Amino acid sequence: MKLFSLTLISVVCCFLSSCDGKAYIVSVRTGNKWWAGTNAAVFITIYEGSKSSEKVELNTDHHDDFEAGRTDSYSIQTKENFDNITSIRIEHDDTGAGAGWFLDTVLIYDQDKNRMYEFPCFKWLASNSDDGKFARDLPVTKRV
């Protein structure tokens, strides 16, 4: 039911904003670890081979995004139309106290094709943890 309501919201948003690009629903699950959440600005870029979208910020005004154990969903538009998403880059700007973030999984729903893409991560995006990276290139592992 949640996916349906997100689809309806994105259709309304698309109508109100004249829908210049391709619409996707992006769901981001933050890991359920101590200090897993972040207040840094988070961005996603979608890829199909060498073709890429612009970098899109994932943010909901007046909402505390990316908290531990929570899934946040966003309706985004890209200028590019992708037939078959192959990977994503997800990153944050490493700003603020405790900018580190433990990313569990990203899901992208292509409304036109009724197709879901899954991108598991299970890693920290943090300059002071793991390998020190705050950007991850994630290949698609599942298409439904």
C-alpha atoms as a PDB file:
ATOM      1  CA  MET A   1       0.000   0.000   0.000  1.00  0.00           C
ATOM      2  CA  LYS A   2       2.891   2.381   0.756  1.00  0.00           C
ATOM      3  CA  LEU A   3       4.264   2.014  -2.780  1.00  0.00           C
ATOM      4  CA  PHE A   4       0.836   2.811  -4.236  1.00  0.00           C
ATOM      5  CA  SER A   5       0.516   5.981  -2.160  1.00  0.00           C
ATOM      6  CA  LEU A   6       4.034   7.020  -3.219  1.00  0.00           C
ATOM      7  CA  THR A   7       3.094   6.434  -6.861  1.00  0.00           C
ATOM      8  CA  LEU A   8      -0.008   8.586  -6.466  1.00  0.00           C
ATOM      9  CA  ILE A   9       2.013  11.330  -4.771  1.00  0.00           C
ATOM     10  CA  SER A  10       4.616  11.298  -7.536  1.00  0.00           C
ATOM     11  CA  VAL A  11       1.948  11.447 -10.272  1.00  0.00           C
ATOM     12  CA  VAL A  12       0.375  14.489  -8.582  1.00  0.00           C
ATOM     13  CA  CYS A  13       3.817  16.107  -8.129  1.00  0.00           C
ATOM     14  CA  CYS A  14       4.642  15.393 -11.756  1.00  0.00           C
ATOM     15  CA  PHE A  15       1.367  16.984 -12.869  1.00  0.00           C
ATOM     16  CA  LEU A  16       1.947  20.072 -10.737  1.00  0.00           C
ATOM     17  CA  SER A  17       5.535  20.529 -11.929  1.00  0.00           C
ATOM     18  CA  SER A  18       4.766  19.893 -15.637  1.00  0.00           C
ATOM     19  CA  CYS A  19       6.749  16.646 -15.609  1.00  0.00           C
ATOM     20  CA  ASP A  20       9.704  17.599 -17.803  1.00  0.00           C
ATOM     21  CA  GLY A  21      11.678  14.411 -17.108  1.00  0.00           C
ATOM     22  CA  LYS A  22      11.389  10.799 -16.097  1.00  0.00           C
ATOM     23  CA  ALA A  23       9.915  10.130 -12.635  1.00  0.00           C
ATOM     24  CA  TYR A  24      11.246   7.506 -10.209  1.00  0.00           C
ATOM     25  CA  ILE A  25      10.547   6.645  -6.596  1.00  0.00           C
ATOM     26  CA  VAL A  26      13.726   6.188  -4.557  1.00  0.00           C
ATOM     27  CA  SER A  27      13.497   4.454  -1.165  1.00  0.00           C
ATOM     28  CA  VAL A  28      16.554   4.580   1.093  1.00  0.00           C
ATOM     29  CA  ARG A  29      16.906   2.351   4.157  1.00  0.00           C
ATOM     30  CA  THR A  30      19.348   3.527   6.812  1.00  0.00           C
ATOM     31  CA  GLY A  31      20.915   0.721   8.828  1.00  0.00           C
ATOM     32  CA  ASN A  32      19.786  -0.002  12.348  1.00  0.00           C
ATOM     33  CA  LYS A  33      23.128   0.638  14.060  1.00  0.00           C
ATOM     34  CA  TRP A  34      24.210   3.035  16.755  1.00  0.00           C
ATOM     35  CA  TRP A  35      24.813   6.485  15.153  1.00  0.00           C
ATOM     36  CA  ALA A  36      23.806   5.124  11.713  1.00  0.00           C
ATOM     37  CA  GLY A  37      21.837   8.235  10.717  1.00  0.00           C
ATOM     38  CA  THR A  38      23.147  11.409   9.124  1.00  0.00           C
ATOM     39  CA  ASN A  39      22.166  15.054   8.796  1.00  0.00           C
ATOM     40  CA  ALA A  40      24.493  15.567   5.828  1.00  0.00           C
ATOM     41  CA  ALA A  41      22.956  16.307   2.418  1.00  0.00           C
ATOM     42  CA  VAL A  42      22.475  13.030   0.473  1.00  0.00           C
ATOM     43  CA  PHE A  43      22.583  12.757  -3.334  1.00  0.00           C
ATOM     44  CA  ILE A  44      21.921  10.042  -5.908  1.00  0.00           C
ATOM     45  CA  THR A  45      23.036   9.622  -9.525  1.00  0.00           C
ATOM     46  CA  ILE A  46      21.457   6.917 -11.691  1.00  0.00           C
ATOM     47  CA  TYR A  47      23.406   5.053 -14.401  1.00  0.00           C
ATOM     48  CA  GLU A  48      22.664   2.888 -17.404  1.00  0.00           C
ATOM     49  CA  GLY A  49      26.109   1.910 -18.621  1.00  0.00           C
ATOM     50  CA  SER A  50      27.908   5.177 -19.406  1.00  0.00           C
ATOM     51  CA  LYS A  51      24.678   7.240 -19.500  1.00  0.00           C
ATOM     52  CA  SER A  52      23.940   9.041 -16.228  1.00  0.00           C
ATOM     53  CA  SER A  53      21.388  11.290 -14.619  1.00  0.00           C
ATOM     54  CA  GLU A  54      22.244  14.556 -12.983  1.00  0.00           C
ATOM     55  CA  LYS A  55      23.089  14.385  -9.264  1.00  0.00           C
ATOM     56  CA  VAL A  56      19.775  14.688  -7.387  1.00  0.00           C
ATOM     57  CA  GLU A  57      19.496  15.652  -3.721  1.00  0.00           C
ATOM     58  CA  LEU A  58      17.262  13.417  -1.616  1.00  0.00           C
ATOM     59  CA  ASN A  59      15.555  15.655   0.906  1.00  0.00           C
ATOM     60  CA  THR A  60      12.140  16.197   2.439  1.00  0.00           C
ATOM     61  CA  ASP A  61      11.584  19.702   3.769  1.00  0.00           C
ATOM     62  CA  HIS A  62      10.833  19.919   7.509  1.00  0.00           C
ATOM     63  CA  HIS A  63      11.628  16.203   7.986  1.00  0.00           C
ATOM     64  CA  ASP A  64      14.606  14.548   9.656  1.00  0.00           C
ATOM     65  CA  ASP A  65      15.757  12.262   6.818  1.00  0.00           C
ATOM     66  CA  PHE A  66      18.120   9.274   7.105  1.00  0.00           C
ATOM     67  CA  GLU A  67      17.652   8.277  10.726  1.00  0.00           C
ATOM     68  CA  ALA A  68      18.771   4.866  12.038  1.00  0.00           C
ATOM     69  CA  GLY A  69      16.476   1.965  11.138  1.00  0.00           C
ATOM     70  CA  ARG A  70      14.177   4.079   8.973  1.00  0.00           C
ATOM     71  CA  THR A  71      13.216   4.014   5.293  1.00  0.00           C
ATOM     72  CA  ASP A  72      12.765   7.361   3.548  1.00  0.00           C
ATOM     73  CA  SER A  73      11.150   7.638   0.114  1.00  0.00           C
ATOM     74  CA  TYR A  74      11.459  10.368  -2.508  1.00  0.00           C
ATOM     75  CA  SER A  75       9.857  11.088  -5.835  1.00  0.00           C
ATOM     76  CA  ILE A  76      12.585  12.342  -8.164  1.00  0.00           C
ATOM     77  CA  GLN A  77      12.782  13.360 -11.794  1.00  0.00           C
ATOM     78  CA  THR A  78      15.719  12.924 -14.125  1.00  0.00           C
ATOM     79  CA  LYS A  79      16.314  14.485 -17.520  1.00  0.00           C
ATOM     80  CA  GLU A  80      17.414  11.093 -18.847  1.00  0.00           C
ATOM     81  CA  ASN A  81      15.063   8.194 -19.517  1.00  0.00           C
ATOM     82  CA  PHE A  82      16.647   4.866 -18.545  1.00  0.00           C
ATOM     83  CA  ASP A  83      15.544   1.579 -20.146  1.00  0.00           C
ATOM     84  CA  ASN A  84      17.499  -0.585 -17.718  1.00  0.00           C
ATOM     85  CA  ILE A  85      19.228   0.946 -14.687  1.00  0.00           C
ATOM     86  CA  THR A  86      22.596  -0.723 -14.088  1.00  0.00           C
ATOM     87  CA  SER A  87      24.021   1.126 -11.076  1.00  0.00           C
ATOM     88  CA  ILE A  88      23.787   4.162  -8.842  1.00  0.00           C
ATOM     89  CA  ARG A  89      26.139   6.446  -6.991  1.00  0.00           C
ATOM     90  CA  ILE A  90      24.894   7.508  -3.583  1.00  0.00           C
ATOM     91  CA  GLU A  91      26.851  10.043  -1.594  1.00  0.00           C
ATOM     92  CA  HIS A  92      26.669  12.740   1.007  1.00  0.00           C
ATOM     93  CA  ASP A  93      28.494  16.032   1.425  1.00  0.00           C
ATOM     94  CA  ASP A  94      30.223  14.986   4.684  1.00  0.00           C
ATOM     95  CA  THR A  95      29.011  18.098   6.518  1.00  0.00           C
ATOM     96  CA  GLY A  96      27.873  18.527  10.076  1.00  0.00           C
ATOM     97  CA  ALA A  97      28.673  16.754  13.298  1.00  0.00           C
ATOM     98  CA  GLY A  98      28.351  12.992  12.911  1.00  0.00           C
ATOM     99  CA  ALA A  99      28.042  13.117   9.122  1.00  0.00           C
ATOM    100  CA  GLY A 100      28.858   9.411   8.859  1.00  0.00           C
ATOM    101  CA  TRP A 101      25.952   7.265   7.637  1.00  0.00           C
ATOM    102  CA  PHE A 102      25.355   3.506   7.553  1.00  0.00           C
ATOM    103  CA  LEU A 103      23.419   2.752   4.373  1.00  0.00           C
ATOM    104  CA  ASP A 104      21.490  -0.494   4.260  1.00  0.00           C
ATOM    105  CA  THR A 105      19.720  -0.604   0.860  1.00  0.00           C
ATOM    106  CA  VAL A 106      18.409   1.635  -1.927  1.00  0.00           C
ATOM    107  CA  LEU A 107      15.359   0.708  -4.011  1.00  0.00           C
ATOM    108  CA  ILE A 108      14.353   2.517  -7.203  1.00  0.00           C
ATOM    109  CA  TYR A 109      10.889   2.059  -8.644  1.00  0.00           C
ATOM    110  CA  ASP A 110      10.388   2.847 -12.336  1.00  0.00           C
ATOM    111  CA  GLN A 111       6.707   3.680 -12.549  1.00  0.00           C
ATOM    112  CA  ASP A 112       6.473   3.528 -16.351  1.00  0.00           C
ATOM    113  CA  LYS A 113       7.925   0.025 -16.529  1.00  0.00           C
ATOM    114  CA  ASN A 114       6.501  -1.185 -13.213  1.00  0.00           C
ATOM    115  CA  ARG A 115      10.015  -2.373 -12.327  1.00  0.00           C
ATOM    116  CA  MET A 116      11.900  -2.278  -9.024  1.00  0.00           C
ATOM    117  CA  TYR A 117      15.706  -2.150  -8.821  1.00  0.00           C
ATOM    118  CA  GLU A 118      17.575  -3.111  -5.650  1.00  0.00           C
ATOM    119  CA  PHE A 119      20.988  -1.789  -4.573  1.00  0.00           C
ATOM    120  CA  PRO A 120      22.245  -3.242  -1.278  1.00  0.00           C
ATOM    121  CA  CYS A 121      25.157  -1.499   0.433  1.00  0.00           C
ATOM    122  CA  PHE A 122      25.524  -2.511   4.113  1.00  0.00           C
ATOM    123  CA  LYS A 123      28.459  -0.119   4.578  1.00  0.00           C
ATOM    124  CA  TRP A 124      29.356   3.156   6.238  1.00  0.00           C
ATOM    125  CA  LEU A 125      29.605   6.288   4.143  1.00  0.00           C
ATOM    126  CA  ALA A 126      31.927   8.131   6.482  1.00  0.00           C
ATOM    127  CA  SER A 127      35.306   9.802   6.274  1.00  0.00           C
ATOM    128  CA  ASN A 128      36.184   8.365   9.709  1.00  0.00           C
ATOM    129  CA  SER A 129      34.868   4.753   9.356  1.00  0.00           C
ATOM    130  CA  ASP A 130      35.487   1.694   7.187  1.00  0.00           C
ATOM    131  CA  ASP A 131      37.455   2.811   4.113  1.00  0.00           C
ATOM    132  CA  GLY A 132      36.840   6.547   4.603  1.00  0.00           C
ATOM    133  CA  LYS A 133      34.538   6.919   1.563  1.00  0.00           C
ATOM    134  CA  PHE A 134      31.373   8.978   1.718  1.00  0.00           C
ATOM    135  CA  ALA A 135      30.272   7.966  -1.792  1.00  0.00           C
ATOM    136  CA  ARG A 136      29.378   4.454  -2.972  1.00  0.00           C
ATOM    137  CA  ASP A 137      28.935   3.098  -6.489  1.00  0.00           C
ATOM    138  CA  LEU A 138      26.395   0.307  -6.196  1.00  0.00           C
ATOM    139  CA  PRO A 139      25.503  -2.170  -8.967  1.00  0.00           C
ATOM    140  CA  VAL A 140      21.937  -3.384  -9.270  1.00  0.00           C
ATOM    141  CA  THR A 141      21.596  -6.833  -7.720  1.00  0.00           C
ATOM    142  CA  LYS A 142      17.918  -7.495  -8.306  1.00  0.00           C
ATOM    143  CA  ARG A 143      15.294  -6.391 -10.830  1.00  0.00           C
ATOM    144  CA  VAL A 144      11.666  -7.203 -10.086  1.00  0.00           C
END
